[in-house]
Amino acid sequence: GIGLLGLRFGATLAALAAERSPKVGKLVLWEPIVDGGKYMQELLRTNLTTQTAVYKEIRYNREALVRMMREGSRVNIDGYELAYPCYEQVSAVNLNAARKRFPGPCLIVQIGRDGQPLHPDLNALQATYTDSDLQGAVEEPFWKEIKRWYRTAPKLFDLTLGWMTAR
């Protein structure tokens, strides 16, 4: 079978693909976006933070940003343009909404600080799979802007390779 591995929303898409294809045999989800609605609200909050830094005030609140997108404008999120169809479709995704049909082994990894408790959304996600492991990897959140160049994530890679070898 095919193995799928994804990071953040790529992990979410991998999980959705595994639900649709019987060819998927293994699934590895690195820090998946479980609730698309919450994620879109976080992205809009990023826009508000940027407005505060640039204009020293919030000119458009979240509701206004959504209305602007609905009317055809795009909203800037850290230099990326977000359009309403994407906002709407991602907001509708919730990986915890139903028990999974995917029968194969699934590794769910939370990437974060040492001693960080596992996120409740990830615990709930694990419960939707019949054969899953939830583990934490102590690494920098390398998909965000970090102060030092981050070439590899050795703990994450070792954890993933160990799991894949054992499975």
N, C-alpha and C. Protein backbone atom coordinates (compact mmCIF):
# COMPACT_ATOMS: atom_id res chain seq x y z
N GLY A 1 0.81 -1.19 0.00
CA GLY A 1 0.00 0.00 0.00
C GLY A 1 0.85 1.25 0.00
N ILE A 2 0.22 2.33 -0.27
CA ILE A 2 0.85 3.65 -0.30
C ILE A 2 0.92 4.18 1.13
N GLY A 3 2.01 4.86 1.45
CA GLY A 3 2.12 5.56 2.72
C GLY A 3 2.03 7.05 2.48
N LEU A 4 1.28 7.74 3.31
CA LEU A 4 1.16 9.20 3.20
C LEU A 4 1.73 9.84 4.46
N LEU A 5 2.48 10.93 4.26
CA LEU A 5 3.03 11.70 5.35
C LEU A 5 2.77 13.16 5.03
N GLY A 6 2.28 13.90 6.01
CA GLY A 6 2.03 15.32 5.80
C GLY A 6 2.32 16.12 7.04
N LEU A 7 2.61 17.40 6.83
CA LEU A 7 2.88 18.36 7.91
C LEU A 7 1.78 19.42 7.91
N ARG A 8 1.22 19.69 9.08
CA ARG A 8 0.19 20.70 9.29
C ARG A 8 -1.02 20.46 8.38
N PHE A 9 -1.37 21.38 7.48
CA PHE A 9 -2.55 21.15 6.65
C PHE A 9 -2.29 20.05 5.63
N GLY A 10 -1.02 19.83 5.28
CA GLY A 10 -0.69 18.69 4.42
C GLY A 10 -1.04 17.38 5.11
N ALA A 11 -0.88 17.33 6.43
CA ALA A 11 -1.27 16.14 7.20
C ALA A 11 -2.79 15.99 7.18
N THR A 12 -3.50 17.10 7.26
CA THR A 12 -4.95 17.07 7.19
C THR A 12 -5.41 16.51 5.85
N LEU A 13 -4.77 16.99 4.78
CA LEU A 13 -5.12 16.49 3.44
C LEU A 13 -4.78 15.01 3.30
N ALA A 14 -3.66 14.58 3.89
CA ALA A 14 -3.30 13.16 3.86
C ALA A 14 -4.36 12.33 4.57
N ALA A 15 -4.84 12.81 5.72
CA ALA A 15 -5.88 12.09 6.46
C ALA A 15 -7.17 11.99 5.64
N LEU A 16 -7.53 13.08 4.97
CA LEU A 16 -8.73 13.07 4.13
C LEU A 16 -8.57 12.12 2.95
N ALA A 17 -7.38 12.11 2.35
CA ALA A 17 -7.11 11.21 1.22
C ALA A 17 -7.18 9.75 1.66
N ALA A 18 -6.68 9.46 2.86
CA ALA A 18 -6.70 8.08 3.37
C ALA A 18 -8.13 7.58 3.57
N GLU A 19 -9.04 8.50 3.82
CA GLU A 19 -10.45 8.13 3.98
C GLU A 19 -11.07 7.73 2.65
N ARG A 20 -10.52 8.23 1.57
CA ARG A 20 -11.11 8.01 0.24
C ARG A 20 -10.46 6.89 -0.54
N SER A 21 -9.21 6.54 -0.20
CA SER A 21 -8.50 5.58 -1.04
C SER A 21 -8.12 4.31 -0.26
N PRO A 22 -8.59 3.17 -0.73
CA PRO A 22 -8.20 1.91 -0.08
C PRO A 22 -6.74 1.54 -0.36
N LYS A 23 -6.07 2.29 -1.24
CA LYS A 23 -4.67 2.02 -1.56
C LYS A 23 -3.71 2.54 -0.48
N VAL A 24 -4.20 3.42 0.39
CA VAL A 24 -3.35 3.97 1.45
C VAL A 24 -3.21 2.93 2.55
N GLY A 25 -1.95 2.58 2.87
CA GLY A 25 -1.70 1.56 3.87
C GLY A 25 -1.19 2.10 5.20
N LYS A 26 -0.44 3.21 5.16
CA LYS A 26 0.09 3.83 6.38
C LYS A 26 -0.13 5.33 6.29
N LEU A 27 -0.26 5.93 7.46
CA LEU A 27 -0.53 7.36 7.53
C LEU A 27 0.32 7.97 8.64
N VAL A 28 1.06 9.02 8.31
CA VAL A 28 1.86 9.75 9.30
C VAL A 28 1.43 11.21 9.25
N LEU A 29 0.93 11.69 10.38
CA LEU A 29 0.41 13.05 10.48
C LEU A 29 1.27 13.86 11.44
N TRP A 30 2.07 14.75 10.89
CA TRP A 30 2.91 15.63 11.71
C TRP A 30 2.13 16.91 12.01
N GLU A 31 1.81 17.11 13.28
CA GLU A 31 1.15 18.34 13.75
C GLU A 31 -0.04 18.70 12.85
N PRO A 32 -0.99 17.78 12.67
CA PRO A 32 -2.10 18.06 11.75
C PRO A 32 -3.02 19.16 12.24
N ILE A 33 -3.63 19.85 11.29
CA ILE A 33 -4.70 20.80 11.60
C ILE A 33 -5.96 19.95 11.76
N VAL A 34 -6.46 19.86 12.96
CA VAL A 34 -7.61 19.01 13.23
C VAL A 34 -8.92 19.75 12.93
N ASP A 35 -8.99 21.00 13.35
CA ASP A 35 -10.21 21.80 13.20
C ASP A 35 -9.91 22.97 12.26
N GLY A 36 -10.38 22.86 11.02
CA GLY A 36 -10.11 23.89 10.02
C GLY A 36 -10.71 25.24 10.37
N GLY A 37 -11.85 25.24 11.04
CA GLY A 37 -12.47 26.50 11.45
C GLY A 37 -11.60 27.26 12.44
N LYS A 38 -11.09 26.55 13.44
CA LYS A 38 -10.18 27.18 14.42
C LYS A 38 -8.92 27.69 13.72
N TYR A 39 -8.40 26.89 12.79
CA TYR A 39 -7.19 27.26 12.07
C TYR A 39 -7.40 28.55 11.27
N MET A 40 -8.53 28.65 10.58
CA MET A 40 -8.80 29.86 9.81
C MET A 40 -8.92 31.08 10.73
N GLN A 41 -9.50 30.88 11.91
CA GLN A 41 -9.59 31.99 12.86
C GLN A 41 -8.20 32.41 13.35
N GLU A 42 -7.31 31.43 13.54
CA GLU A 42 -5.92 31.75 13.91
C GLU A 42 -5.24 32.56 12.81
N LEU A 43 -5.47 32.18 11.55
CA LEU A 43 -4.87 32.92 10.45
C LEU A 43 -5.41 34.35 10.40
N LEU A 44 -6.71 34.53 10.62
CA LEU A 44 -7.26 35.88 10.64
C LEU A 44 -6.68 36.68 11.80
N ARG A 45 -6.44 36.02 12.94
CA ARG A 45 -5.82 36.69 14.08
C ARG A 45 -4.42 37.18 13.70
N THR A 46 -3.71 36.42 12.87
CA THR A 46 -2.39 36.83 12.39
C THR A 46 -2.51 38.13 11.59
N ASN A 47 -3.56 38.24 10.78
CA ASN A 47 -3.80 39.47 10.03
C ASN A 47 -4.04 40.64 10.99
N LEU A 48 -4.81 40.41 12.05
CA LEU A 48 -5.09 41.47 13.03
C LEU A 48 -3.81 41.93 13.71
N THR A 49 -2.94 40.98 14.03
CA THR A 49 -1.66 41.31 14.66
C THR A 49 -0.81 42.16 13.71
N THR A 50 -0.81 41.79 12.44
CA THR A 50 -0.06 42.56 11.44
C THR A 50 -0.63 43.96 11.30
N GLN A 51 -1.96 44.08 11.29
CA GLN A 51 -2.58 45.41 11.21
C GLN A 51 -2.13 46.28 12.39
N THR A 52 -2.10 45.69 13.57
CA THR A 52 -1.70 46.44 14.77
C THR A 52 -0.25 46.91 14.65
N ALA A 53 0.62 46.04 14.13
CA ALA A 53 2.04 46.40 13.98
C ALA A 53 2.23 47.48 12.92
N VAL A 54 1.51 47.39 11.82
CA VAL A 54 1.69 48.31 10.70
C VAL A 54 0.96 49.64 10.92
N TYR A 55 -0.31 49.56 11.33
CA TYR A 55 -1.15 50.76 11.41
C TYR A 55 -1.36 51.27 12.83
N LYS A 56 -0.86 50.53 13.83
CA LYS A 56 -1.07 50.87 15.24
C LYS A 56 -2.54 50.81 15.64
N GLU A 57 -3.33 50.11 14.83
CA GLU A 57 -4.75 49.90 15.13
C GLU A 57 -5.26 48.75 14.26
N ILE A 58 -6.41 48.22 14.65
CA ILE A 58 -7.07 47.20 13.82
C ILE A 58 -8.09 47.93 12.97
N ARG A 59 -7.86 47.93 11.66
CA ARG A 59 -8.76 48.60 10.73
C ARG A 59 -9.92 47.71 10.30
N TYR A 60 -9.67 46.39 10.22
CA TYR A 60 -10.69 45.44 9.81
C TYR A 60 -10.67 44.26 10.79
N ASN A 61 -11.77 44.06 11.51
CA ASN A 61 -11.84 42.93 12.44
C ASN A 61 -12.10 41.64 11.64
N ARG A 62 -12.17 40.52 12.34
CA ARG A 62 -12.33 39.23 11.65
C ARG A 62 -13.59 39.18 10.80
N GLU A 63 -14.69 39.69 11.35
CA GLU A 63 -15.95 39.67 10.60
C GLU A 63 -15.81 40.47 9.31
N ALA A 64 -15.15 41.63 9.39
CA ALA A 64 -14.96 42.46 8.20
C ALA A 64 -14.05 41.76 7.19
N LEU A 65 -13.02 41.08 7.67
CA LEU A 65 -12.13 40.35 6.77
C LEU A 65 -12.88 39.24 6.02
N VAL A 66 -13.72 38.50 6.75
CA VAL A 66 -14.51 37.44 6.11
C VAL A 66 -15.49 38.04 5.10
N ARG A 67 -16.12 39.15 5.46
CA ARG A 67 -17.05 39.81 4.55
C ARG A 67 -16.32 40.27 3.28
N MET A 68 -15.12 40.84 3.45
CA MET A 68 -14.33 41.28 2.30
C MET A 68 -14.00 40.10 1.38
N MET A 69 -13.63 38.95 1.98
CA MET A 69 -13.33 37.78 1.16
C MET A 69 -14.59 37.29 0.44
N ARG A 70 -15.70 37.26 1.16
CA ARG A 70 -16.96 36.81 0.56
C ARG A 70 -17.33 37.69 -0.64
N GLU A 71 -16.96 38.97 -0.56
CA GLU A 71 -17.28 39.92 -1.64
C GLU A 71 -16.23 39.90 -2.76
N GLY A 72 -15.21 39.01 -2.64
CA GLY A 72 -14.26 38.87 -3.74
C GLY A 72 -12.85 39.34 -3.48
N SER A 73 -12.61 40.02 -2.36
CA SER A 73 -11.25 40.45 -2.04
C SER A 73 -10.46 39.29 -1.45
N ARG A 74 -9.17 39.47 -1.36
CA ARG A 74 -8.31 38.50 -0.69
C ARG A 74 -7.75 39.15 0.55
N VAL A 75 -7.45 38.33 1.54
CA VAL A 75 -6.89 38.81 2.80
C VAL A 75 -5.45 38.32 2.90
N ASN A 76 -4.57 39.21 3.29
CA ASN A 76 -3.16 38.88 3.40
C ASN A 76 -2.87 38.24 4.76
N ILE A 77 -2.27 37.05 4.71
CA ILE A 77 -1.85 36.35 5.93
C ILE A 77 -0.35 36.08 5.79
N ASP A 78 0.46 36.87 6.48
CA ASP A 78 1.93 36.72 6.42
C ASP A 78 2.45 36.68 4.98
N GLY A 79 1.92 37.52 4.13
CA GLY A 79 2.41 37.61 2.76
C GLY A 79 1.72 36.68 1.77
N TYR A 80 0.80 35.84 2.26
CA TYR A 80 0.05 34.94 1.39
C TYR A 80 -1.38 35.45 1.28
N GLU A 81 -1.92 35.36 0.08
CA GLU A 81 -3.29 35.82 -0.15
C GLU A 81 -4.28 34.69 0.12
N LEU A 82 -5.27 34.96 0.94
CA LEU A 82 -6.32 34.00 1.27
C LEU A 82 -7.62 34.46 0.64
N ALA A 83 -8.22 33.60 -0.20
CA ALA A 83 -9.49 33.90 -0.85
C ALA A 83 -10.61 33.13 -0.16
N TYR A 84 -11.84 33.61 -0.34
CA TYR A 84 -12.98 33.03 0.36
C TYR A 84 -13.20 31.55 0.08
N PRO A 85 -13.09 31.07 -1.17
CA PRO A 85 -13.32 29.62 -1.36
C PRO A 85 -12.39 28.76 -0.50
N CYS A 86 -11.14 29.14 -0.40
CA CYS A 86 -10.21 28.39 0.46
C CYS A 86 -10.61 28.51 1.92
N TYR A 87 -10.88 29.73 2.36
CA TYR A 87 -11.32 29.97 3.74
C TYR A 87 -12.53 29.10 4.09
N GLU A 88 -13.51 29.10 3.20
CA GLU A 88 -14.76 28.37 3.43
C GLU A 88 -14.52 26.85 3.48
N GLN A 89 -13.75 26.33 2.53
CA GLN A 89 -13.51 24.89 2.46
C GLN A 89 -12.67 24.39 3.63
N VAL A 90 -11.63 25.13 3.98
CA VAL A 90 -10.80 24.72 5.11
C VAL A 90 -11.60 24.82 6.41
N SER A 91 -12.42 25.85 6.55
CA SER A 91 -13.23 26.01 7.76
C SER A 91 -14.18 24.84 7.97
N ALA A 92 -14.58 24.18 6.89
CA ALA A 92 -15.52 23.07 6.98
C ALA A 92 -14.86 21.76 7.42
N VAL A 93 -13.54 21.71 7.44
CA VAL A 93 -12.83 20.47 7.78
C VAL A 93 -12.74 20.32 9.30
N ASN A 94 -13.14 19.15 9.78
CA ASN A 94 -12.92 18.80 11.18
C ASN A 94 -12.63 17.30 11.23
N LEU A 95 -11.37 16.97 11.44
CA LEU A 95 -10.96 15.56 11.43
C LEU A 95 -11.57 14.76 12.58
N ASN A 96 -12.04 15.44 13.61
CA ASN A 96 -12.63 14.74 14.76
C ASN A 96 -14.13 14.52 14.61
N ALA A 97 -14.70 14.90 13.47
CA ALA A 97 -16.14 14.84 13.29
C ALA A 97 -16.69 13.42 13.22
N ALA A 98 -15.87 12.46 12.78
CA ALA A 98 -16.40 11.10 12.62
C ALA A 98 -15.29 10.07 12.81
N ARG A 99 -15.71 8.87 13.15
CA ARG A 99 -14.78 7.74 13.24
C ARG A 99 -14.22 7.47 11.85
N LYS A 100 -12.95 7.15 11.77
CA LYS A 100 -12.29 6.96 10.48
C LYS A 100 -12.55 5.58 9.89
N ARG A 101 -12.67 5.57 8.57
CA ARG A 101 -12.77 4.31 7.84
C ARG A 101 -11.39 3.74 7.57
N PHE A 102 -10.36 4.60 7.56
CA PHE A 102 -9.00 4.15 7.29
C PHE A 102 -8.60 3.08 8.31
N PRO A 103 -8.30 1.87 7.84
CA PRO A 103 -8.02 0.78 8.78
C PRO A 103 -6.54 0.60 9.13
N GLY A 104 -5.67 1.25 8.40
CA GLY A 104 -4.24 1.01 8.58
C GLY A 104 -3.64 1.73 9.77
N PRO A 105 -2.35 1.50 10.01
CA PRO A 105 -1.68 2.18 11.11
C PRO A 105 -1.50 3.67 10.83
N CYS A 106 -1.66 4.44 11.87
CA CYS A 106 -1.56 5.90 11.77
C CYS A 106 -0.70 6.43 12.91
N LEU A 107 0.31 7.23 12.57
CA LEU A 107 1.13 7.91 13.57
C LEU A 107 0.75 9.38 13.55
N ILE A 108 0.40 9.90 14.72
CA ILE A 108 0.08 11.32 14.89
C ILE A 108 1.18 11.89 15.78
N VAL A 109 1.84 12.96 15.30
CA VAL A 109 2.95 13.54 16.05
C VAL A 109 2.66 14.99 16.38
N GLN A 110 2.80 15.32 17.65
CA GLN A 110 2.76 16.71 18.09
C GLN A 110 4.20 17.19 18.17
N ILE A 111 4.49 18.30 17.52
CA ILE A 111 5.84 18.86 17.51
C ILE A 111 5.85 20.07 18.42
N GLY A 112 6.75 20.08 19.40
CA GLY A 112 6.76 21.22 20.32
C GLY A 112 7.83 21.14 21.38
N ARG A 113 7.62 21.92 22.41
CA ARG A 113 8.58 22.06 23.50
C ARG A 113 8.62 20.81 24.37
N ASP A 114 9.72 20.67 25.09
CA ASP A 114 9.88 19.57 26.04
C ASP A 114 8.87 19.75 27.18
N GLY A 115 8.18 18.69 27.52
CA GLY A 115 7.21 18.74 28.62
C GLY A 115 5.85 19.29 28.23
N GLN A 116 5.68 19.66 26.97
CA GLN A 116 4.40 20.20 26.51
C GLN A 116 3.36 19.07 26.52
N PRO A 117 2.22 19.29 27.18
CA PRO A 117 1.19 18.23 27.18
C PRO A 117 0.63 18.03 25.78
N LEU A 118 0.17 16.82 25.51
CA LEU A 118 -0.43 16.54 24.20
C LEU A 118 -1.74 17.32 24.07
N HIS A 119 -1.95 17.91 22.91
CA HIS A 119 -3.12 18.75 22.67
C HIS A 119 -4.40 17.90 22.69
N PRO A 120 -5.45 18.38 23.36
CA PRO A 120 -6.70 17.62 23.42
C PRO A 120 -7.26 17.25 22.04
N ASP A 121 -7.11 18.14 21.04
CA ASP A 121 -7.58 17.83 19.69
C ASP A 121 -6.85 16.60 19.12
N LEU A 122 -5.56 16.47 19.44
CA LEU A 122 -4.80 15.33 18.93
C LEU A 122 -5.18 14.05 19.66
N ASN A 123 -5.44 14.16 20.96
CA ASN A 123 -5.94 13.00 21.71
C ASN A 123 -7.27 12.53 21.13
N ALA A 124 -8.15 13.47 20.83
CA ALA A 124 -9.45 13.13 20.25
C ALA A 124 -9.27 12.53 18.85
N LEU A 125 -8.33 13.08 18.08
CA LEU A 125 -8.08 12.55 16.74
C LEU A 125 -7.60 11.10 16.81
N GLN A 126 -6.70 10.83 17.74
CA GLN A 126 -6.20 9.46 17.88
C GLN A 126 -7.36 8.49 18.13
N ALA A 127 -8.32 8.91 18.91
CA ALA A 127 -9.46 8.04 19.24
C ALA A 127 -10.35 7.74 18.04
N THR A 128 -10.24 8.53 16.95
CA THR A 128 -11.07 8.29 15.77
C THR A 128 -10.48 7.21 14.86
N TYR A 129 -9.23 6.82 15.10
CA TYR A 129 -8.57 5.78 14.30
C TYR A 129 -8.55 4.46 15.07
N THR A 130 -8.69 3.35 14.35
CA THR A 130 -8.69 2.05 15.01
C THR A 130 -7.28 1.59 15.39
N ASP A 131 -6.25 2.06 14.67
CA ASP A 131 -4.87 1.63 14.91
C ASP A 131 -3.96 2.84 14.83
N SER A 132 -3.82 3.55 15.94
CA SER A 132 -3.03 4.78 15.88
C SER A 132 -2.15 4.95 17.11
N ASP A 133 -1.09 5.69 16.91
CA ASP A 133 -0.17 6.08 17.98
C ASP A 133 -0.07 7.59 17.98
N LEU A 134 -0.08 8.18 19.16
CA LEU A 134 0.10 9.62 19.31
C LEU A 134 1.37 9.83 20.11
N GLN A 135 2.32 10.56 19.53
CA GLN A 135 3.60 10.79 20.20
C GLN A 135 3.99 12.25 20.07
N GLY A 136 4.83 12.69 20.99
CA GLY A 136 5.37 14.04 20.94
C GLY A 136 6.81 14.01 20.48
N ALA A 137 7.20 14.98 19.67
CA ALA A 137 8.59 15.15 19.23
C ALA A 137 9.04 16.53 19.66
N VAL A 138 10.12 16.58 20.43
CA VAL A 138 10.65 17.86 20.89
C VAL A 138 11.50 18.46 19.78
N GLU A 139 10.94 19.42 19.08
CA GLU A 139 11.60 20.11 17.96
C GLU A 139 11.09 21.54 17.91
N GLU A 140 11.84 22.37 17.21
CA GLU A 140 11.36 23.71 16.90
C GLU A 140 10.17 23.59 15.94
N PRO A 141 9.19 24.46 16.05
CA PRO A 141 8.11 24.44 15.05
C PRO A 141 8.65 25.03 13.74
N PHE A 142 9.31 24.20 12.95
CA PHE A 142 10.11 24.66 11.81
C PHE A 142 9.28 25.22 10.66
N TRP A 143 7.97 25.08 10.71
CA TRP A 143 7.12 25.67 9.68
C TRP A 143 6.84 27.14 9.98
N LYS A 144 7.19 27.58 11.17
CA LYS A 144 7.04 28.98 11.54
C LYS A 144 8.40 29.67 11.35
N GLU A 145 8.39 30.97 11.45
CA GLU A 145 9.65 31.70 11.38
C GLU A 145 10.40 31.48 12.70
N ILE A 146 11.61 30.97 12.60
CA ILE A 146 12.41 30.75 13.81
C ILE A 146 13.73 31.50 13.66
N LYS A 147 14.36 31.78 14.78
CA LYS A 147 15.54 32.63 14.79
C LYS A 147 16.76 32.00 14.12
N ARG A 148 16.92 30.70 14.27
CA ARG A 148 18.11 30.08 13.68
C ARG A 148 17.69 29.15 12.54
N TRP A 149 18.61 28.98 11.62
CA TRP A 149 18.34 28.09 10.49
C TRP A 149 18.19 26.67 11.01
N TYR A 150 17.19 25.98 10.55
CA TYR A 150 16.84 24.67 11.06
C TYR A 150 16.93 23.68 9.92
N ARG A 151 18.06 22.98 9.82
CA ARG A 151 18.30 22.10 8.68
C ARG A 151 17.51 20.80 8.74
N THR A 152 17.49 20.18 9.89
CA THR A 152 16.78 18.92 10.05
C THR A 152 16.06 18.90 11.39
N ALA A 153 15.17 17.95 11.51
CA ALA A 153 14.44 17.74 12.77
C ALA A 153 14.76 16.30 13.20
N PRO A 154 15.94 16.06 13.77
CA PRO A 154 16.38 14.68 14.01
C PRO A 154 15.47 13.87 14.93
N LYS A 155 14.93 14.48 15.97
CA LYS A 155 14.05 13.72 16.87
C LYS A 155 12.76 13.32 16.16
N LEU A 156 12.22 14.23 15.38
CA LEU A 156 11.02 13.94 14.61
C LEU A 156 11.28 12.85 13.58
N PHE A 157 12.39 12.97 12.87
CA PHE A 157 12.72 11.98 11.83
C PHE A 157 12.98 10.62 12.46
N ASP A 158 13.73 10.58 13.56
CA ASP A 158 14.02 9.30 14.22
C ASP A 158 12.73 8.64 14.74
N LEU A 159 11.88 9.43 15.35
CA LEU A 159 10.61 8.92 15.86
C LEU A 159 9.79 8.32 14.71
N THR A 160 9.70 9.06 13.60
CA THR A 160 8.90 8.61 12.45
C THR A 160 9.49 7.37 11.82
N LEU A 161 10.80 7.37 11.60
CA LEU A 161 11.44 6.20 10.99
C LEU A 161 11.34 4.97 11.89
N GLY A 162 11.48 5.16 13.19
CA GLY A 162 11.32 4.06 14.14
C GLY A 162 9.94 3.46 14.08
N TRP A 163 8.93 4.33 14.03
CA TRP A 163 7.55 3.87 13.95
C TRP A 163 7.31 3.12 12.65
N MET A 164 7.78 3.69 11.54
CA MET A 164 7.57 3.06 10.24
C MET A 164 8.27 1.70 10.16
N THR A 165 9.45 1.60 10.73
CA THR A 165 10.18 0.33 10.73
C THR A 165 9.45 -0.71 11.56
N ALA A 166 8.93 -0.31 12.71
CA ALA A 166 8.21 -1.22 13.58
C ALA A 166 6.88 -1.66 12.98
N ARG A 167 6.32 -0.85 12.09
CA ARG A 167 5.02 -1.15 11.48
C ARG A 167 5.20 -1.80 10.15
